[in-house]
Amino acid sequence: GADEVSKLTIGSHEVAMDVFVGDPDEDSTFKERVSKAHAVGILV
């Protein structure tokens, strides 16, 4: 969205969102960013 919301509260928990855009074959940071995540959402 226009406000670039990157954090939301769900109940007593906070959800922080990181966004990866592009081709994992061409970005060496993909695996590292996945390893730091608690979950992954594929956006279509």
ModelCIF file with pLDDT and N, C-alpha, C, O atoms, coordinates in Angstrom:
data_MODEL
#
_entry.id   MODEL 
#
_entity.id                         1 
_entity.type                       polymer 
_entity.pdbx_number_of_molecules   1 
#
_entity_poly.entity_id                      1 
_entity_poly.type                           'polypeptide(L)' 
_entity_poly.nstd_linkage                   no 
_entity_poly.nstd_monomer                   no 
_entity_poly.pdbx_seq_one_letter_code       GADEVSKLTIGSHEVAMDVFVGDPDEDSTFKERVSKAHAVGILV 
_entity_poly.pdbx_seq_one_letter_code_can   GADEVSKLTIGSHEVAMDVFVGDPDEDSTFKERVSKAHAVGILV 
_entity_poly.pdbx_strand_id                 A 
#
loop_
_entity_poly_seq.entity_id 
_entity_poly_seq.num 
_entity_poly_seq.mon_id 
_entity_poly_seq.hetero 
1 1  GLY n 
1 2  ALA n 
1 3  ASP n 
1 4  GLU n 
1 5  VAL n 
1 6  SER n 
1 7  LYS n 
1 8  LEU n 
1 9  THR n 
1 10 ILE n 
1 11 GLY n 
1 12 SER n 
1 13 HIS n 
1 14 GLU n 
1 15 VAL n 
1 16 ALA n 
1 17 MET n 
1 18 ASP n 
1 19 VAL n 
1 20 PHE n 
1 21 VAL n 
1 22 GLY n 
1 23 ASP n 
1 24 PRO n 
1 25 ASP n 
1 26 GLU n 
1 27 ASP n 
1 28 SER n 
1 29 THR n 
1 30 PHE n 
1 31 LYS n 
1 32 GLU n 
1 33 ARG n 
1 34 VAL n 
1 35 SER n 
1 36 LYS n 
1 37 ALA n 
1 38 HIS n 
1 39 ALA n 
1 40 VAL n 
1 41 GLY n 
1 42 ILE n 
1 43 LEU n 
1 44 VAL n 
#
_struct_asym.id          A 
_struct_asym.entity_id   1 
#
loop_
_ma_qa_metric.id 
_ma_qa_metric.mode 
_ma_qa_metric.name 
_ma_qa_metric.software_group_id 
_ma_qa_metric.type 
1 global pLDDT . pLDDT 
2 local  pLDDT . pLDDT 
#
_ma_qa_metric_global.metric_id      1 
_ma_qa_metric_global.metric_value   85.64 
_ma_qa_metric_global.model_id       1 
_ma_qa_metric_global.ordinal_id     1 
#
loop_
_ma_qa_metric_local.label_asym_id 
_ma_qa_metric_local.label_comp_id 
_ma_qa_metric_local.label_seq_id 
_ma_qa_metric_local.metric_id 
_ma_qa_metric_local.metric_value 
_ma_qa_metric_local.model_id 
_ma_qa_metric_local.ordinal_id 
A GLY 1  2 66.00 1 1  
A ALA 2  2 48.00 1 2  
A ASP 3  2 53.00 1 3  
A GLU 4  2 55.00 1 4  
A VAL 5  2 60.00 1 5  
A SER 6  2 83.00 1 6  
A LYS 7  2 86.00 1 7  
A LEU 8  2 86.00 1 8  
A THR 9  2 86.00 1 9  
A ILE 10 2 82.00 1 10 
A GLY 11 2 79.00 1 11 
A SER 12 2 80.00 1 12 
A HIS 13 2 83.00 1 13 
A GLU 14 2 88.00 1 14 
A VAL 15 2 91.00 1 15 
A ALA 16 2 91.00 1 16 
A MET 17 2 91.00 1 17 
A ASP 18 2 90.00 1 18 
A VAL 19 2 91.00 1 19 
A PHE 20 2 93.00 1 20 
A VAL 21 2 92.00 1 21 
A GLY 22 2 86.00 1 22 
A ASP 23 2 89.00 1 23 
A PRO 24 2 90.00 1 24 
A ASP 25 2 88.00 1 25 
A GLU 26 2 90.00 1 26 
A ASP 27 2 90.00 1 27 
A SER 28 2 88.00 1 28 
A THR 29 2 91.00 1 29 
A PHE 30 2 91.00 1 30 
A LYS 31 2 89.00 1 31 
A GLU 32 2 90.00 1 32 
A ARG 33 2 91.00 1 33 
A VAL 34 2 92.00 1 34 
A SER 35 2 91.00 1 35 
A LYS 36 2 91.00 1 36 
A ALA 37 2 93.00 1 37 
A HIS 38 2 92.00 1 38 
A ALA 39 2 93.00 1 39 
A VAL 40 2 94.00 1 40 
A GLY 41 2 94.00 1 41 
A ILE 42 2 94.00 1 42 
A LEU 43 2 94.00 1 43 
A VAL 44 2 93.00 1 44 
#
loop_
_atom_site.group_PDB 
_atom_site.id 
_atom_site.type_symbol 
_atom_site.label_atom_id 
_atom_site.label_alt_id 
_atom_site.label_comp_id 
_atom_site.label_asym_id 
_atom_site.label_entity_id 
_atom_site.label_seq_id 
_atom_site.pdbx_PDB_ins_code 
_atom_site.Cartn_x 
_atom_site.Cartn_y 
_atom_site.Cartn_z 
_atom_site.occupancy 
_atom_site.B_iso_or_equiv 
_atom_site.pdbx_formal_charge 
_atom_site.auth_seq_id 
_atom_site.auth_comp_id 
_atom_site.auth_asym_id 
_atom_site.auth_atom_id 
_atom_site.pdbx_PDB_model_num 
ATOM 1   N N  . GLY A 1 1  ? 0.814  -1.204  0.000  1.00 66.00 ? 1  GLY A N  1 
ATOM 2   C CA . GLY A 1 1  ? 0.000  0.000   0.000  1.00 66.00 ? 1  GLY A CA 1 
ATOM 3   C C  . GLY A 1 1  ? 0.848  1.255   0.000  1.00 66.00 ? 1  GLY A C  1 
ATOM 4   O O  . GLY A 1 1  ? 2.076  1.203   0.083  1.00 66.00 ? 1  GLY A O  1 
ATOM 5   N N  . ALA A 1 2  ? 0.161  2.386   -0.095 1.00 48.00 ? 2  ALA A N  1 
ATOM 6   C CA . ALA A 1 2  ? 0.852  3.676   -0.176 1.00 48.00 ? 2  ALA A CA 1 
ATOM 7   C C  . ALA A 1 2  ? 1.680  3.959   1.076  1.00 48.00 ? 2  ALA A C  1 
ATOM 8   O O  . ALA A 1 2  ? 2.715  4.621   1.007  1.00 48.00 ? 2  ALA A O  1 
ATOM 9   N N  . ASP A 1 3  ? 1.212  3.446   2.230  1.00 53.00 ? 3  ASP A N  1 
ATOM 10  C CA . ASP A 1 3  ? 1.916  3.691   3.496  1.00 53.00 ? 3  ASP A CA 1 
ATOM 11  C C  . ASP A 1 3  ? 3.059  2.715   3.722  1.00 53.00 ? 3  ASP A C  1 
ATOM 12  O O  . ASP A 1 3  ? 3.793  2.830   4.703  1.00 53.00 ? 3  ASP A O  1 
ATOM 13  N N  . GLU A 1 4  ? 3.216  1.735   2.799  1.00 55.00 ? 4  GLU A N  1 
ATOM 14  C CA . GLU A 1 4  ? 4.261  0.728   2.910  1.00 55.00 ? 4  GLU A CA 1 
ATOM 15  C C  . GLU A 1 4  ? 4.264  0.087   4.296  1.00 55.00 ? 4  GLU A C  1 
ATOM 16  O O  . GLU A 1 4  ? 5.273  0.095   5.000  1.00 55.00 ? 4  GLU A O  1 
ATOM 17  N N  . VAL A 1 5  ? 3.121  -0.462  4.667  1.00 60.00 ? 5  VAL A N  1 
ATOM 18  C CA . VAL A 1 5  ? 2.978  -1.119  5.961  1.00 60.00 ? 5  VAL A CA 1 
ATOM 19  C C  . VAL A 1 5  ? 3.898  -2.327  6.016  1.00 60.00 ? 5  VAL A C  1 
ATOM 20  O O  . VAL A 1 5  ? 3.790  -3.222  5.179  1.00 60.00 ? 5  VAL A O  1 
ATOM 21  N N  . SER A 1 6  ? 4.799  -2.366  6.985  1.00 83.00 ? 6  SER A N  1 
ATOM 22  C CA . SER A 1 6  ? 5.727  -3.489  7.112  1.00 83.00 ? 6  SER A CA 1 
ATOM 23  C C  . SER A 1 6  ? 5.550  -4.239  8.426  1.00 83.00 ? 6  SER A C  1 
ATOM 24  O O  . SER A 1 6  ? 6.174  -5.279  8.639  1.00 83.00 ? 6  SER A O  1 
ATOM 25  N N  . LYS A 1 7  ? 4.699  -3.712  9.310  1.00 86.00 ? 7  LYS A N  1 
ATOM 26  C CA . LYS A 1 7  ? 4.437  -4.384  10.582 1.00 86.00 ? 7  LYS A CA 1 
ATOM 27  C C  . LYS A 1 7  ? 2.958  -4.316  10.917 1.00 86.00 ? 7  LYS A C  1 
ATOM 28  O O  . LYS A 1 7  ? 2.303  -3.297  10.702 1.00 86.00 ? 7  LYS A O  1 
ATOM 29  N N  . LEU A 1 8  ? 2.447  -5.413  11.444 1.00 86.00 ? 8  LEU A N  1 
ATOM 30  C CA . LEU A 1 8  ? 1.062  -5.473  11.887 1.00 86.00 ? 8  LEU A CA 1 
ATOM 31  C C  . LEU A 1 8  ? 1.007  -6.221  13.218 1.00 86.00 ? 8  LEU A C  1 
ATOM 32  O O  . LEU A 1 8  ? 1.869  -7.047  13.517 1.00 86.00 ? 8  LEU A O  1 
ATOM 33  N N  . THR A 1 9  ? -0.013 -5.921  14.004 1.00 86.00 ? 9  THR A N  1 
ATOM 34  C CA . THR A 1 9  ? -0.220 -6.626  15.258 1.00 86.00 ? 9  THR A CA 1 
ATOM 35  C C  . THR A 1 9  ? -1.375 -7.600  15.101 1.00 86.00 ? 9  THR A C  1 
ATOM 36  O O  . THR A 1 9  ? -2.451 -7.232  14.629 1.00 86.00 ? 9  THR A O  1 
ATOM 37  N N  . ILE A 1 10 ? -1.144 -8.848  15.503 1.00 82.00 ? 10 ILE A N  1 
ATOM 38  C CA . ILE A 1 10 ? -2.187 -9.868  15.492 1.00 82.00 ? 10 ILE A CA 1 
ATOM 39  C C  . ILE A 1 10 ? -2.312 -10.401 16.906 1.00 82.00 ? 10 ILE A C  1 
ATOM 40  O O  . ILE A 1 10 ? -1.456 -11.151 17.375 1.00 82.00 ? 10 ILE A O  1 
ATOM 41  N N  . GLY A 1 11 ? -3.385 -10.008 17.585 1.00 79.00 ? 11 GLY A N  1 
ATOM 42  C CA . GLY A 1 11 ? -3.524 -10.362 18.991 1.00 79.00 ? 11 GLY A CA 1 
ATOM 43  C C  . GLY A 1 11 ? -2.415 -9.710  19.785 1.00 79.00 ? 11 GLY A C  1 
ATOM 44  O O  . GLY A 1 11 ? -2.237 -8.493  19.730 1.00 79.00 ? 11 GLY A O  1 
ATOM 45  N N  . SER A 1 12 ? -1.658 -10.521 20.533 1.00 80.00 ? 12 SER A N  1 
ATOM 46  C CA . SER A 1 12 ? -0.543 -9.998  21.319 1.00 80.00 ? 12 SER A CA 1 
ATOM 47  C C  . SER A 1 12 ? 0.776  -10.088 20.569 1.00 80.00 ? 12 SER A C  1 
ATOM 48  O O  . SER A 1 12 ? 1.821  -9.714  21.100 1.00 80.00 ? 12 SER A O  1 
ATOM 49  N N  . HIS A 1 13 ? 0.734  -10.592 19.314 1.00 83.00 ? 13 HIS A N  1 
ATOM 50  C CA . HIS A 1 13 ? 1.954  -10.793 18.544 1.00 83.00 ? 13 HIS A CA 1 
ATOM 51  C C  . HIS A 1 13 ? 2.148  -9.687  17.505 1.00 83.00 ? 13 HIS A C  1 
ATOM 52  O O  . HIS A 1 13 ? 1.187  -9.090  17.019 1.00 83.00 ? 13 HIS A O  1 
ATOM 53  N N  . GLU A 1 14 ? 3.397  -9.437  17.183 1.00 88.00 ? 14 GLU A N  1 
ATOM 54  C CA . GLU A 1 14 ? 3.728  -8.508  16.110 1.00 88.00 ? 14 GLU A CA 1 
ATOM 55  C C  . GLU A 1 14 ? 4.264  -9.297  14.921 1.00 88.00 ? 14 GLU A C  1 
ATOM 56  O O  . GLU A 1 14 ? 5.060  -10.223 15.081 1.00 88.00 ? 14 GLU A O  1 
ATOM 57  N N  . VAL A 1 15 ? 3.817  -8.916  13.725 1.00 91.00 ? 15 VAL A N  1 
ATOM 58  C CA . VAL A 1 15 ? 4.292  -9.556  12.505 1.00 91.00 ? 15 VAL A CA 1 
ATOM 59  C C  . VAL A 1 15 ? 5.062  -8.522  11.705 1.00 91.00 ? 15 VAL A C  1 
ATOM 60  O O  . VAL A 1 15 ? 4.518  -7.489  11.314 1.00 91.00 ? 15 VAL A O  1 
ATOM 61  N N  . ALA A 1 16 ? 6.337  -8.809  11.465 1.00 91.00 ? 16 ALA A N  1 
ATOM 62  C CA . ALA A 1 16 ? 7.196  -7.928  10.677 1.00 91.00 ? 16 ALA A CA 1 
ATOM 63  C C  . ALA A 1 16 ? 7.390  -8.549  9.300  1.00 91.00 ? 16 ALA A C  1 
ATOM 64  O O  . ALA A 1 16 ? 7.788  -9.708  9.186  1.00 91.00 ? 16 ALA A O  1 
ATOM 65  N N  . MET A 1 17 ? 7.108  -7.774  8.254  1.00 91.00 ? 17 MET A N  1 
ATOM 66  C CA . MET A 1 17 ? 7.171  -8.288  6.891  1.00 91.00 ? 17 MET A CA 1 
ATOM 67  C C  . MET A 1 17 ? 8.398  -7.765  6.155  1.00 91.00 ? 17 MET A C  1 
ATOM 68  O O  . MET A 1 17 ? 8.670  -6.565  6.136  1.00 91.00 ? 17 MET A O  1 
ATOM 69  N N  . ASP A 1 18 ? 9.126  -8.691  5.553  1.00 90.00 ? 18 ASP A N  1 
ATOM 70  C CA . ASP A 1 18 ? 10.224 -8.367  4.652  1.00 90.00 ? 18 ASP A CA 1 
ATOM 71  C C  . ASP A 1 18 ? 9.778  -8.778  3.254  1.00 90.00 ? 18 ASP A C  1 
ATOM 72  O O  . ASP A 1 18 ? 9.098  -9.794  3.104  1.00 90.00 ? 18 ASP A O  1 
ATOM 73  N N  . VAL A 1 19 ? 10.141 -8.019  2.237  1.00 91.00 ? 19 VAL A N  1 
ATOM 74  C CA . VAL A 1 19 ? 9.679  -8.299  0.873  1.00 91.00 ? 19 VAL A CA 1 
ATOM 75  C C  . VAL A 1 19 ? 10.854 -8.632  -0.022 1.00 91.00 ? 19 VAL A C  1 
ATOM 76  O O  . VAL A 1 19 ? 11.829 -7.884  -0.101 1.00 91.00 ? 19 VAL A O  1 
ATOM 77  N N  . PHE A 1 20 ? 10.748 -9.769  -0.697 1.00 93.00 ? 20 PHE A N  1 
ATOM 78  C CA . PHE A 1 20 ? 11.741 -10.160 -1.708 1.00 93.00 ? 20 PHE A CA 1 
ATOM 79  C C  . PHE A 1 20 ? 11.064 -10.105 -3.069 1.00 93.00 ? 20 PHE A C  1 
ATOM 80  O O  . PHE A 1 20 ? 9.994  -10.682 -3.266 1.00 93.00 ? 20 PHE A O  1 
ATOM 81  N N  . VAL A 1 21 ? 11.698 -9.406  -4.007 1.00 92.00 ? 21 VAL A N  1 
ATOM 82  C CA . VAL A 1 21 ? 11.164 -9.296  -5.361 1.00 92.00 ? 21 VAL A CA 1 
ATOM 83  C C  . VAL A 1 21 ? 12.239 -9.724  -6.351 1.00 92.00 ? 21 VAL A C  1 
ATOM 84  O O  . VAL A 1 21 ? 13.391 -9.301  -6.255 1.00 92.00 ? 21 VAL A O  1 
ATOM 85  N N  . GLY A 1 22 ? 11.846 -10.571 -7.306 1.00 86.00 ? 22 GLY A N  1 
ATOM 86  C CA . GLY A 1 22 ? 12.796 -10.933 -8.348 1.00 86.00 ? 22 GLY A CA 1 
ATOM 87  C C  . GLY A 1 22 ? 12.975 -12.424 -8.508 1.00 86.00 ? 22 GLY A C  1 
ATOM 88  O O  . GLY A 1 22 ? 12.095 -13.209 -8.155 1.00 86.00 ? 22 GLY A O  1 
ATOM 89  N N  . ASP A 1 23 ? 14.112 -12.809 -9.040 1.00 89.00 ? 23 ASP A N  1 
ATOM 90  C CA . ASP A 1 23 ? 14.428 -14.192 -9.383 1.00 89.00 ? 23 ASP A CA 1 
ATOM 91  C C  . ASP A 1 23 ? 15.442 -14.740 -8.386 1.00 89.00 ? 23 ASP A C  1 
ATOM 92  O O  . ASP A 1 23 ? 16.553 -14.216 -8.299 1.00 89.00 ? 23 ASP A O  1 
ATOM 93  N N  . PRO A 1 24 ? 15.091 -15.783 -7.629 1.00 90.00 ? 24 PRO A N  1 
ATOM 94  C CA . PRO A 1 24 ? 16.046 -16.372 -6.670 1.00 90.00 ? 24 PRO A CA 1 
ATOM 95  C C  . PRO A 1 24 ? 17.336 -16.843 -7.332 1.00 90.00 ? 24 PRO A C  1 
ATOM 96  O O  . PRO A 1 24 ? 18.380 -16.891 -6.681 1.00 90.00 ? 24 PRO A O  1 
ATOM 97  N N  . ASP A 1 25 ? 17.280 -17.194 -8.626 1.00 88.00 ? 25 ASP A N  1 
ATOM 98  C CA . ASP A 1 25 ? 18.476 -17.633 -9.338 1.00 88.00 ? 25 ASP A CA 1 
ATOM 99  C C  . ASP A 1 25 ? 19.493 -16.502 -9.478 1.00 88.00 ? 25 ASP A C  1 
ATOM 100 O O  . ASP A 1 25 ? 20.688 -16.747 -9.643 1.00 88.00 ? 25 ASP A O  1 
ATOM 101 N N  . GLU A 1 26 ? 19.010 -15.268 -9.411 1.00 90.00 ? 26 GLU A N  1 
ATOM 102 C CA . GLU A 1 26 ? 19.887 -14.124 -9.659 1.00 90.00 ? 26 GLU A CA 1 
ATOM 103 C C  . GLU A 1 26 ? 20.147 -13.288 -8.409 1.00 90.00 ? 26 GLU A C  1 
ATOM 104 O O  . GLU A 1 26 ? 20.800 -12.247 -8.488 1.00 90.00 ? 26 GLU A O  1 
ATOM 105 N N  . ASP A 1 27 ? 19.648 -13.729 -7.266 1.00 90.00 ? 27 ASP A N  1 
ATOM 106 C CA . ASP A 1 27 ? 19.830 -12.966 -6.026 1.00 90.00 ? 27 ASP A CA 1 
ATOM 107 C C  . ASP A 1 27 ? 20.371 -13.900 -4.944 1.00 90.00 ? 27 ASP A C  1 
ATOM 108 O O  . ASP A 1 27 ? 19.662 -14.788 -4.469 1.00 90.00 ? 27 ASP A O  1 
ATOM 109 N N  . SER A 1 28 ? 21.609 -13.696 -4.566 1.00 88.00 ? 28 SER A N  1 
ATOM 110 C CA . SER A 1 28 ? 22.269 -14.587 -3.612 1.00 88.00 ? 28 SER A CA 1 
ATOM 111 C C  . SER A 1 28 ? 21.743 -14.435 -2.183 1.00 88.00 ? 28 SER A C  1 
ATOM 112 O O  . SER A 1 28 ? 22.062 -15.249 -1.316 1.00 88.00 ? 28 SER A O  1 
ATOM 113 N N  . THR A 1 29 ? 20.935 -13.390 -1.934 1.00 91.00 ? 29 THR A N  1 
ATOM 114 C CA . THR A 1 29 ? 20.425 -13.174 -0.575 1.00 91.00 ? 29 THR A CA 1 
ATOM 115 C C  . THR A 1 29 ? 19.155 -13.970 -0.292 1.00 91.00 ? 29 THR A C  1 
ATOM 116 O O  . THR A 1 29 ? 18.681 -13.984 0.844  1.00 91.00 ? 29 THR A O  1 
ATOM 117 N N  . PHE A 1 30 ? 18.595 -14.637 -1.310 1.00 91.00 ? 30 PHE A N  1 
ATOM 118 C CA . PHE A 1 30 ? 17.301 -15.301 -1.147 1.00 91.00 ? 30 PHE A CA 1 
ATOM 119 C C  . PHE A 1 30 ? 17.321 -16.338 -0.021 1.00 91.00 ? 30 PHE A C  1 
ATOM 120 O O  . PHE A 1 30 ? 16.471 -16.294 0.868  1.00 91.00 ? 30 PHE A O  1 
ATOM 121 N N  . LYS A 1 31 ? 18.276 -17.265 -0.047 1.00 89.00 ? 31 LYS A N  1 
ATOM 122 C CA . LYS A 1 31 ? 18.323 -18.327 0.959  1.00 89.00 ? 31 LYS A CA 1 
ATOM 123 C C  . LYS A 1 31 ? 18.515 -17.760 2.357  1.00 89.00 ? 31 LYS A C  1 
ATOM 124 O O  . LYS A 1 31 ? 17.906 -18.239 3.314  1.00 89.00 ? 31 LYS A O  1 
ATOM 125 N N  . GLU A 1 32 ? 19.355 -16.748 2.477  1.00 90.00 ? 32 GLU A N  1 
ATOM 126 C CA . GLU A 1 32 ? 19.605 -16.142 3.781  1.00 90.00 ? 32 GLU A CA 1 
ATOM 127 C C  . GLU A 1 32 ? 18.336 -15.500 4.332  1.00 90.00 ? 32 GLU A C  1 
ATOM 128 O O  . GLU A 1 32 ? 18.041 -15.619 5.522  1.00 90.00 ? 32 GLU A O  1 
ATOM 129 N N  . ARG A 1 33 ? 17.593 -14.824 3.474  1.00 91.00 ? 33 ARG A N  1 
ATOM 130 C CA . ARG A 1 33 ? 16.371 -14.156 3.933  1.00 91.00 ? 33 ARG A CA 1 
ATOM 131 C C  . ARG A 1 33 ? 15.302 -15.166 4.304  1.00 91.00 ? 33 ARG A C  1 
ATOM 132 O O  . ARG A 1 33 ? 14.539 -14.948 5.245  1.00 91.00 ? 33 ARG A O  1 
ATOM 133 N N  . VAL A 1 34 ? 15.241 -16.275 3.569  1.00 92.00 ? 34 VAL A N  1 
ATOM 134 C CA . VAL A 1 34 ? 14.309 -17.342 3.931  1.00 92.00 ? 34 VAL A CA 1 
ATOM 135 C C  . VAL A 1 34 ? 14.685 -17.935 5.283  1.00 92.00 ? 34 VAL A C  1 
ATOM 136 O O  . VAL A 1 34 ? 13.809 -18.222 6.099  1.00 92.00 ? 34 VAL A O  1 
ATOM 137 N N  . SER A 1 35 ? 15.981 -18.122 5.529  1.00 91.00 ? 35 SER A N  1 
ATOM 138 C CA . SER A 1 35 ? 16.446 -18.744 6.780  1.00 91.00 ? 35 SER A CA 1 
ATOM 139 C C  . SER A 1 35 ? 16.118 -17.900 8.001  1.00 91.00 ? 35 SER A C  1 
ATOM 140 O O  . SER A 1 35 ? 16.028 -18.427 9.110  1.00 91.00 ? 35 SER A O  1 
ATOM 141 N N  . LYS A 1 36 ? 15.937 -16.591 7.814  1.00 91.00 ? 36 LYS A N  1 
ATOM 142 C CA . LYS A 1 36 ? 15.637 -15.697 8.930  1.00 91.00 ? 36 LYS A CA 1 
ATOM 143 C C  . LYS A 1 36 ? 14.136 -15.537 9.165  1.00 91.00 ? 36 LYS A C  1 
ATOM 144 O O  . LYS A 1 36 ? 13.729 -14.878 10.122 1.00 91.00 ? 36 LYS A O  1 
ATOM 145 N N  . ALA A 1 37 ? 13.316 -16.128 8.309  1.00 93.00 ? 37 ALA A N  1 
ATOM 146 C CA . ALA A 1 37 ? 11.856 -15.944 8.391  1.00 93.00 ? 37 ALA A CA 1 
ATOM 147 C C  . ALA A 1 37 ? 11.202 -17.058 9.205  1.00 93.00 ? 37 ALA A C  1 
ATOM 148 O O  . ALA A 1 37 ? 11.678 -18.193 9.226  1.00 93.00 ? 37 ALA A O  1 
ATOM 149 N N  . HIS A 1 38 ? 10.103 -16.710 9.872  1.00 92.00 ? 38 HIS A N  1 
ATOM 150 C CA . HIS A 1 38 ? 9.275  -17.701 10.555 1.00 92.00 ? 38 HIS A CA 1 
ATOM 151 C C  . HIS A 1 38 ? 8.250  -18.311 9.600  1.00 92.00 ? 38 HIS A C  1 
ATOM 152 O O  . HIS A 1 38 ? 7.735  -19.401 9.848  1.00 92.00 ? 38 HIS A O  1 
ATOM 153 N N  . ALA A 1 39 ? 7.961  -17.607 8.515  1.00 93.00 ? 39 ALA A N  1 
ATOM 154 C CA . ALA A 1 39 ? 6.987  -18.076 7.519  1.00 93.00 ? 39 ALA A CA 1 
ATOM 155 C C  . ALA A 1 39 ? 7.219  -17.303 6.226  1.00 93.00 ? 39 ALA A C  1 
ATOM 156 O O  . ALA A 1 39 ? 7.837  -16.239 6.220  1.00 93.00 ? 39 ALA A O  1 
ATOM 157 N N  . VAL A 1 40 ? 6.708  -17.864 5.134  1.00 94.00 ? 40 VAL A N  1 
ATOM 158 C CA . VAL A 1 40 ? 6.860  -17.224 3.819  1.00 94.00 ? 40 VAL A CA 1 
ATOM 159 C C  . VAL A 1 40 ? 5.492  -17.143 3.145  1.00 94.00 ? 40 VAL A C  1 
ATOM 160 O O  . VAL A 1 40 ? 4.746  -18.121 3.114  1.00 94.00 ? 40 VAL A O  1 
ATOM 161 N N  . GLY A 1 41 ? 5.175  -15.975 2.610  1.00 94.00 ? 41 GLY A N  1 
ATOM 162 C CA . GLY A 1 41 ? 3.959  -15.785 1.833  1.00 94.00 ? 41 GLY A CA 1 
ATOM 163 C C  . GLY A 1 41 ? 4.312  -15.490 0.388  1.00 94.00 ? 41 GLY A C  1 
ATOM 164 O O  . GLY A 1 41 ? 5.044  -14.541 0.107  1.00 94.00 ? 41 GLY A O  1 
ATOM 165 N N  . ILE A 1 42 ? 3.794  -16.305 -0.538 1.00 94.00 ? 42 ILE A N  1 
ATOM 166 C CA . ILE A 1 42 ? 4.021  -16.077 -1.970 1.00 94.00 ? 42 ILE A CA 1 
ATOM 167 C C  . ILE A 1 42 ? 2.889  -15.205 -2.487 1.00 94.00 ? 42 ILE A C  1 
ATOM 168 O O  . ILE A 1 42 ? 1.722  -15.589 -2.409 1.00 94.00 ? 42 ILE A O  1 
ATOM 169 N N  . LEU A 1 43 ? 3.223  -14.042 -3.012 1.00 94.00 ? 43 LEU A N  1 
ATOM 170 C CA . LEU A 1 43 ? 2.222  -13.064 -3.430 1.00 94.00 ? 43 LEU A CA 1 
ATOM 171 C C  . LEU A 1 43 ? 1.971  -13.173 -4.926 1.00 94.00 ? 43 LEU A C  1 
ATOM 172 O O  . LEU A 1 43 ? 2.909  -13.125 -5.723 1.00 94.00 ? 43 LEU A O  1 
ATOM 173 N N  . VAL A 1 44 ? 0.699  -13.322 -5.310 1.00 93.00 ? 44 VAL A N  1 
ATOM 174 C CA . VAL A 1 44 ? 0.344  -13.453 -6.731 1.00 93.00 ? 44 VAL A CA 1 
ATOM 175 C C  . VAL A 1 44 ? -0.841 -12.543 -7.032 1.00 93.00 ? 44 VAL A C  1 
ATOM 176 O O  . VAL A 1 44 ? -1.308 -12.493 -8.169 1.00 93.00 ? 44 VAL A O  1 
#
